[in-house]
Amino acid sequence: MADNSQKMSYHAGEAKGQAQEKASNMMDKTSNAAQSAKEYMQETGQQVKEKTQGAADAMKDAAGMKN
């Protein structure tokens, strides 16, 4: 039968493992959120670029500068 110090050591190791798993899960969630934000910003940037190009083309058309 295990004595108290062995039981305490076992429970401490068990708690450490659970804490490491929780930390890993939190890091995964943070990484996923960062990736989603990056993708959103890239899409938004592309949309702004397209709208800006469209506005510039419209201005060139209106001014008769476009071939």
Protein backbone atom coordinates (compact mmCIF):
# COMPACT_ATOMS: atom_id res chain seq x y z
CA MET A 1 0.00 0.00 0.00
CA ALA A 2 1.28 3.45 -0.91
CA ASP A 3 2.23 5.81 1.86
CA ASN A 4 1.08 9.43 2.06
CA SER A 5 4.15 10.88 0.31
CA GLN A 6 3.64 8.58 -2.68
CA LYS A 7 -0.05 9.51 -2.86
CA MET A 8 0.79 13.22 -2.64
CA SER A 9 3.42 12.85 -5.34
CA TYR A 10 0.97 11.01 -7.57
CA HIS A 11 -1.72 13.68 -7.12
CA ALA A 12 0.80 16.45 -7.72
CA GLY A 13 1.84 14.82 -10.98
CA GLU A 14 -1.77 14.34 -11.94
CA ALA A 15 -2.55 18.03 -11.27
CA LYS A 16 0.54 19.10 -13.22
CA GLY A 17 -0.56 17.04 -16.23
CA GLN A 18 -4.05 18.54 -16.13
CA ALA A 19 -2.64 22.07 -15.89
CA GLN A 20 -0.34 21.42 -18.86
CA GLU A 21 -3.24 20.11 -20.93
CA LYS A 22 -5.38 23.14 -20.09
CA ALA A 23 -2.52 25.47 -21.00
CA SER A 24 -2.02 23.65 -24.28
CA ASN A 25 -5.73 23.91 -25.10
CA MET A 26 -5.71 27.63 -24.32
CA MET A 27 -2.69 28.14 -26.58
CA ASP A 28 -4.42 26.25 -29.38
CA LYS A 29 -7.51 28.43 -29.03
CA THR A 30 -5.38 31.58 -29.03
CA SER A 31 -3.51 30.41 -32.11
CA ASN A 32 -6.77 29.61 -33.90
CA ALA A 33 -8.18 33.04 -33.02
CA ALA A 34 -5.03 34.74 -34.28
CA GLN A 35 -5.17 32.78 -37.54
CA SER A 36 -8.82 33.70 -38.02
CA ALA A 37 -8.05 37.37 -37.39
CA LYS A 38 -5.18 37.25 -39.87
CA GLU A 39 -7.39 35.70 -42.55
CA TYR A 40 -10.14 38.26 -41.89
CA MET A 41 -7.67 41.14 -42.21
CA GLN A 42 -6.27 39.72 -45.45
CA GLU A 43 -9.77 39.42 -46.91
CA THR A 44 -10.68 42.93 -45.78
CA GLY A 45 -7.45 44.31 -47.23
CA GLN A 46 -8.16 42.61 -50.56
CA GLN A 47 -11.69 44.05 -50.64
CA VAL A 48 -10.39 47.56 -49.90
CA LYS A 49 -7.77 47.19 -52.62
CA GLU A 50 -10.40 46.09 -55.15
CA LYS A 51 -12.77 48.93 -54.23
CA THR A 52 -9.95 51.48 -54.43
CA GLN A 53 -8.92 50.18 -57.85
CA GLY A 54 -12.54 50.32 -59.01
CA ALA A 55 -12.88 53.91 -57.81
CA ALA A 56 -9.63 54.90 -59.53
CA ASP A 57 -10.80 53.28 -62.78
CA ALA A 58 -14.15 55.09 -62.54
CA MET A 59 -12.37 58.40 -62.04
CA LYS A 60 -10.13 57.73 -65.04
CA ASP A 61 -13.19 56.88 -67.14
CA ALA A 62 -14.95 60.05 -66.03
CA ALA A 63 -11.88 62.16 -66.84
CA GLY A 64 -11.33 60.42 -70.18
CA MET A 65 -7.89 59.22 -69.09
CA LYS A 66 -8.48 55.51 -69.58
CA ASN A 67 -7.83 53.83 -72.90
